[in-house]
Amino acid sequence: MSAHTAQMSSRGGRWVLYVALMGGGVSQWPEHDFGPGGVPTLAERSRALAGLGFVFMDGAEWEWTEYAERPDDDSSPVRLLASVQVCSRDGGLS
């Protein structure tokens, strides 16, 4: 079972979840746009991942990281990035 990283970030008030697929000549990453609004709930994120063909790895938990939009400027707006380990629902590569 291959592990992938799902990530979720917000830009312009819209939360987007995507699965980072590496290797195998993959040029597009599956993504789900939650649209404008607050941070999607755990249930909403789980449904979005299932719709993309992925499930959480056993014991996986969301990790949140903050980063500056302009790394060398301490007055720069802060962005949030969430990530979690997932695998394909069918156990293969998606």
N, C-alpha and C. Protein backbone atom coordinates (compact mmCIF):
# COMPACT_ATOMS: atom_id res chain seq x y z
N MET A 1 0.84 -1.16 0.00
CA MET A 1 0.00 0.00 0.00
C MET A 1 0.89 1.24 0.00
N SER A 2 0.75 2.09 -0.98
CA SER A 2 1.59 3.28 -1.11
C SER A 2 1.00 4.45 -0.34
N ALA A 3 1.84 5.12 0.42
CA ALA A 3 1.41 6.30 1.17
C ALA A 3 1.62 7.54 0.33
N HIS A 4 0.71 8.47 0.46
CA HIS A 4 0.79 9.77 -0.20
C HIS A 4 0.52 10.82 0.87
N THR A 5 0.84 12.05 0.57
CA THR A 5 0.54 13.15 1.47
C THR A 5 -0.62 13.96 0.89
N ALA A 6 -1.67 14.10 1.69
CA ALA A 6 -2.76 15.01 1.34
C ALA A 6 -2.48 16.32 2.05
N GLN A 7 -2.70 17.42 1.36
CA GLN A 7 -2.47 18.73 1.96
C GLN A 7 -3.69 19.61 1.71
N MET A 8 -3.88 20.54 2.62
CA MET A 8 -5.00 21.47 2.51
C MET A 8 -4.48 22.86 2.87
N SER A 9 -4.83 23.82 2.04
CA SER A 9 -4.41 25.20 2.29
C SER A 9 -5.51 26.14 1.83
N SER A 10 -5.38 27.38 2.26
CA SER A 10 -6.37 28.39 1.90
C SER A 10 -5.67 29.56 1.22
N ARG A 11 -6.28 30.03 0.18
CA ARG A 11 -5.80 31.23 -0.50
C ARG A 11 -7.02 31.97 -1.01
N GLY A 12 -7.07 33.24 -0.68
CA GLY A 12 -8.21 34.04 -1.12
C GLY A 12 -9.52 33.60 -0.49
N GLY A 13 -9.45 33.00 0.72
CA GLY A 13 -10.67 32.61 1.42
C GLY A 13 -11.25 31.28 0.98
N ARG A 14 -10.55 30.55 0.11
CA ARG A 14 -11.03 29.25 -0.38
C ARG A 14 -10.08 28.16 0.10
N TRP A 15 -10.63 27.12 0.74
CA TRP A 15 -9.83 25.97 1.16
C TRP A 15 -9.79 24.94 0.05
N VAL A 16 -8.58 24.45 -0.26
CA VAL A 16 -8.39 23.44 -1.29
C VAL A 16 -7.61 22.28 -0.69
N LEU A 17 -8.09 21.06 -0.92
CA LEU A 17 -7.41 19.85 -0.49
C LEU A 17 -6.86 19.16 -1.74
N TYR A 18 -5.62 18.71 -1.69
CA TYR A 18 -5.04 18.01 -2.83
C TYR A 18 -4.15 16.88 -2.33
N VAL A 19 -3.95 15.89 -3.19
CA VAL A 19 -3.10 14.74 -2.85
C VAL A 19 -1.85 14.82 -3.70
N ALA A 20 -0.70 14.86 -3.02
CA ALA A 20 0.59 14.96 -3.71
C ALA A 20 1.00 13.58 -4.20
N LEU A 21 0.89 13.36 -5.50
CA LEU A 21 1.29 12.09 -6.11
C LEU A 21 2.66 12.30 -6.73
N MET A 22 3.61 11.49 -6.31
CA MET A 22 4.97 11.63 -6.79
C MET A 22 5.35 10.44 -7.66
N GLY A 23 6.12 10.71 -8.70
CA GLY A 23 6.62 9.65 -9.57
C GLY A 23 5.59 9.15 -10.55
N GLY A 24 5.99 8.19 -11.37
CA GLY A 24 5.10 7.57 -12.33
C GLY A 24 4.61 8.51 -13.41
N GLY A 25 5.29 9.62 -13.63
CA GLY A 25 4.90 10.54 -14.69
C GLY A 25 3.63 11.31 -14.39
N VAL A 26 3.22 11.36 -13.12
CA VAL A 26 2.00 12.07 -12.75
C VAL A 26 2.22 13.57 -12.88
N SER A 27 1.35 14.24 -13.63
CA SER A 27 1.50 15.68 -13.80
C SER A 27 0.39 16.46 -13.13
N GLN A 28 -0.70 15.79 -12.76
CA GLN A 28 -1.79 16.49 -12.07
C GLN A 28 -2.07 15.80 -10.76
N TRP A 29 -2.29 16.59 -9.73
CA TRP A 29 -2.64 16.06 -8.42
C TRP A 29 -4.15 16.19 -8.24
N PRO A 30 -4.82 15.12 -7.77
CA PRO A 30 -6.26 15.23 -7.52
C PRO A 30 -6.52 16.30 -6.47
N GLU A 31 -7.56 17.10 -6.68
CA GLU A 31 -7.86 18.14 -5.71
C GLU A 31 -9.36 18.33 -5.54
N HIS A 32 -9.71 18.89 -4.39
CA HIS A 32 -11.10 19.22 -4.07
C HIS A 32 -11.13 20.64 -3.55
N ASP A 33 -11.96 21.48 -4.12
CA ASP A 33 -12.12 22.87 -3.71
C ASP A 33 -13.35 22.96 -2.80
N PHE A 34 -13.14 23.33 -1.54
CA PHE A 34 -14.24 23.46 -0.60
C PHE A 34 -14.99 24.76 -0.78
N GLY A 35 -14.44 25.68 -1.54
CA GLY A 35 -15.08 26.96 -1.73
C GLY A 35 -14.82 27.90 -0.57
N PRO A 36 -15.47 29.06 -0.58
CA PRO A 36 -15.24 30.03 0.49
C PRO A 36 -15.87 29.56 1.80
N GLY A 37 -15.30 30.02 2.90
CA GLY A 37 -15.87 29.68 4.20
C GLY A 37 -14.80 29.33 5.20
N GLY A 38 -15.24 28.80 6.32
CA GLY A 38 -14.34 28.42 7.40
C GLY A 38 -13.56 27.16 7.06
N VAL A 39 -12.72 26.76 8.00
CA VAL A 39 -11.90 25.56 7.83
C VAL A 39 -12.83 24.35 7.74
N PRO A 40 -12.68 23.51 6.72
CA PRO A 40 -13.52 22.32 6.59
C PRO A 40 -13.37 21.40 7.81
N THR A 41 -14.47 20.78 8.22
CA THR A 41 -14.45 19.87 9.36
C THR A 41 -13.71 18.59 8.99
N LEU A 42 -13.38 17.80 10.00
CA LEU A 42 -12.75 16.50 9.75
C LEU A 42 -13.62 15.63 8.85
N ALA A 43 -14.93 15.63 9.10
CA ALA A 43 -15.85 14.83 8.28
C ALA A 43 -15.86 15.32 6.83
N GLU A 44 -15.86 16.63 6.63
CA GLU A 44 -15.84 17.18 5.27
C GLU A 44 -14.55 16.81 4.55
N ARG A 45 -13.42 16.86 5.27
CA ARG A 45 -12.13 16.48 4.66
C ARG A 45 -12.12 15.00 4.30
N SER A 46 -12.65 14.17 5.19
CA SER A 46 -12.69 12.73 4.95
C SER A 46 -13.54 12.42 3.72
N ARG A 47 -14.72 13.06 3.60
CA ARG A 47 -15.58 12.85 2.43
C ARG A 47 -14.89 13.31 1.15
N ALA A 48 -14.19 14.44 1.21
CA ALA A 48 -13.49 14.95 0.03
C ALA A 48 -12.40 13.98 -0.40
N LEU A 49 -11.63 13.46 0.56
CA LEU A 49 -10.58 12.48 0.23
C LEU A 49 -11.19 11.22 -0.38
N ALA A 50 -12.29 10.75 0.20
CA ALA A 50 -12.96 9.55 -0.34
C ALA A 50 -13.41 9.80 -1.77
N GLY A 51 -13.92 11.00 -2.03
CA GLY A 51 -14.35 11.35 -3.38
C GLY A 51 -13.19 11.36 -4.37
N LEU A 52 -11.98 11.61 -3.88
CA LEU A 52 -10.79 11.59 -4.72
C LEU A 52 -10.17 10.19 -4.81
N GLY A 53 -10.73 9.23 -4.03
CA GLY A 53 -10.24 7.86 -4.07
C GLY A 53 -9.20 7.52 -3.01
N PHE A 54 -9.17 8.27 -1.90
CA PHE A 54 -8.17 8.06 -0.87
C PHE A 54 -8.81 7.94 0.50
N VAL A 55 -8.09 7.31 1.42
CA VAL A 55 -8.49 7.19 2.82
C VAL A 55 -7.28 7.50 3.68
N PHE A 56 -7.54 7.83 4.94
CA PHE A 56 -6.45 8.10 5.88
C PHE A 56 -5.67 6.83 6.15
N MET A 57 -4.35 6.94 6.30
CA MET A 57 -3.53 5.82 6.75
C MET A 57 -3.89 5.55 8.22
N ASP A 58 -3.74 4.31 8.67
CA ASP A 58 -4.02 3.97 10.06
C ASP A 58 -3.21 4.87 11.00
N GLY A 59 -3.89 5.49 11.94
CA GLY A 59 -3.24 6.33 12.93
C GLY A 59 -2.84 7.72 12.45
N ALA A 60 -3.13 8.05 11.20
CA ALA A 60 -2.73 9.36 10.65
C ALA A 60 -3.55 10.47 11.29
N GLU A 61 -2.88 11.57 11.57
CA GLU A 61 -3.53 12.76 12.11
C GLU A 61 -3.09 13.97 11.30
N TRP A 62 -3.99 14.94 11.20
CA TRP A 62 -3.66 16.18 10.51
C TRP A 62 -2.60 16.95 11.28
N GLU A 63 -1.60 17.45 10.57
CA GLU A 63 -0.57 18.31 11.15
C GLU A 63 -0.67 19.68 10.48
N TRP A 64 -0.64 20.72 11.30
CA TRP A 64 -0.76 22.08 10.80
C TRP A 64 0.58 22.79 10.89
N THR A 65 0.92 23.50 9.82
CA THR A 65 2.15 24.27 9.75
C THR A 65 1.79 25.69 9.32
N GLU A 66 2.41 26.66 9.94
CA GLU A 66 2.22 28.03 9.47
C GLU A 66 3.49 28.50 8.79
N TYR A 67 3.32 29.30 7.77
CA TYR A 67 4.47 29.84 7.05
C TYR A 67 4.14 31.25 6.58
N ALA A 68 5.17 32.06 6.48
CA ALA A 68 4.99 33.44 6.03
C ALA A 68 4.88 33.48 4.51
N GLU A 69 3.98 34.30 4.04
CA GLU A 69 3.83 34.47 2.59
C GLU A 69 5.13 34.98 1.97
N ARG A 70 5.80 35.89 2.69
CA ARG A 70 7.11 36.38 2.29
C ARG A 70 8.09 35.97 3.40
N PRO A 71 8.85 34.90 3.21
CA PRO A 71 9.66 34.31 4.27
C PRO A 71 10.60 35.26 5.01
N ASP A 72 11.15 36.24 4.36
CA ASP A 72 12.11 37.13 5.01
C ASP A 72 11.49 38.39 5.60
N ASP A 73 10.15 38.42 5.71
CA ASP A 73 9.45 39.61 6.19
C ASP A 73 8.55 39.20 7.36
N ASP A 74 8.93 39.59 8.60
CA ASP A 74 8.15 39.16 9.76
C ASP A 74 6.80 39.86 9.87
N SER A 75 6.52 40.81 8.99
CA SER A 75 5.19 41.43 8.97
C SER A 75 4.31 40.83 7.87
N SER A 76 4.84 39.81 7.18
CA SER A 76 4.11 39.14 6.11
C SER A 76 2.91 38.37 6.65
N PRO A 77 1.83 38.30 5.88
CA PRO A 77 0.69 37.48 6.30
C PRO A 77 1.12 36.01 6.49
N VAL A 78 0.52 35.37 7.47
CA VAL A 78 0.81 33.96 7.75
C VAL A 78 -0.22 33.09 7.05
N ARG A 79 0.24 32.03 6.45
CA ARG A 79 -0.61 31.04 5.78
C ARG A 79 -0.56 29.74 6.58
N LEU A 80 -1.62 28.96 6.49
CA LEU A 80 -1.67 27.66 7.15
C LEU A 80 -1.70 26.55 6.11
N LEU A 81 -0.97 25.48 6.41
CA LEU A 81 -0.93 24.31 5.55
C LEU A 81 -1.16 23.10 6.44
N ALA A 82 -2.14 22.29 6.11
CA ALA A 82 -2.42 21.07 6.85
C ALA A 82 -2.00 19.88 5.99
N SER A 83 -1.49 18.83 6.63
CA SER A 83 -1.11 17.65 5.87
C SER A 83 -1.42 16.39 6.67
N VAL A 84 -1.66 15.30 5.95
CA VAL A 84 -1.98 14.02 6.56
C VAL A 84 -1.57 12.91 5.58
N GLN A 85 -1.20 11.77 6.11
CA GLN A 85 -0.83 10.63 5.26
C GLN A 85 -2.08 9.86 4.84
N VAL A 86 -2.19 9.58 3.55
CA VAL A 86 -3.33 8.86 2.99
C VAL A 86 -2.84 7.75 2.07
N CYS A 87 -3.75 6.86 1.70
CA CYS A 87 -3.45 5.84 0.70
C CYS A 87 -4.68 5.68 -0.18
N SER A 88 -4.48 5.07 -1.32
CA SER A 88 -5.56 4.82 -2.25
C SER A 88 -6.58 3.88 -1.59
N ARG A 89 -7.85 4.12 -1.84
CA ARG A 89 -8.91 3.26 -1.27
C ARG A 89 -8.73 1.81 -1.67
N ASP A 90 -8.25 1.57 -2.88
CA ASP A 90 -8.12 0.19 -3.36
C ASP A 90 -6.75 -0.41 -3.07
N GLY A 91 -5.89 0.35 -2.37
CA GLY A 91 -4.57 -0.16 -2.00
C GLY A 91 -3.50 0.05 -3.06
N GLY A 92 -3.88 0.48 -4.25
CA GLY A 92 -2.89 0.73 -5.31
C GLY A 92 -2.66 2.20 -5.48
N LEU A 93 -1.94 2.55 -6.51
CA LEU A 93 -1.68 3.96 -6.80
C LEU A 93 -2.91 4.56 -7.45
N SER A 94 -3.25 5.75 -7.04
CA SER A 94 -4.36 6.46 -7.68
C SER A 94 -3.81 7.60 -8.49
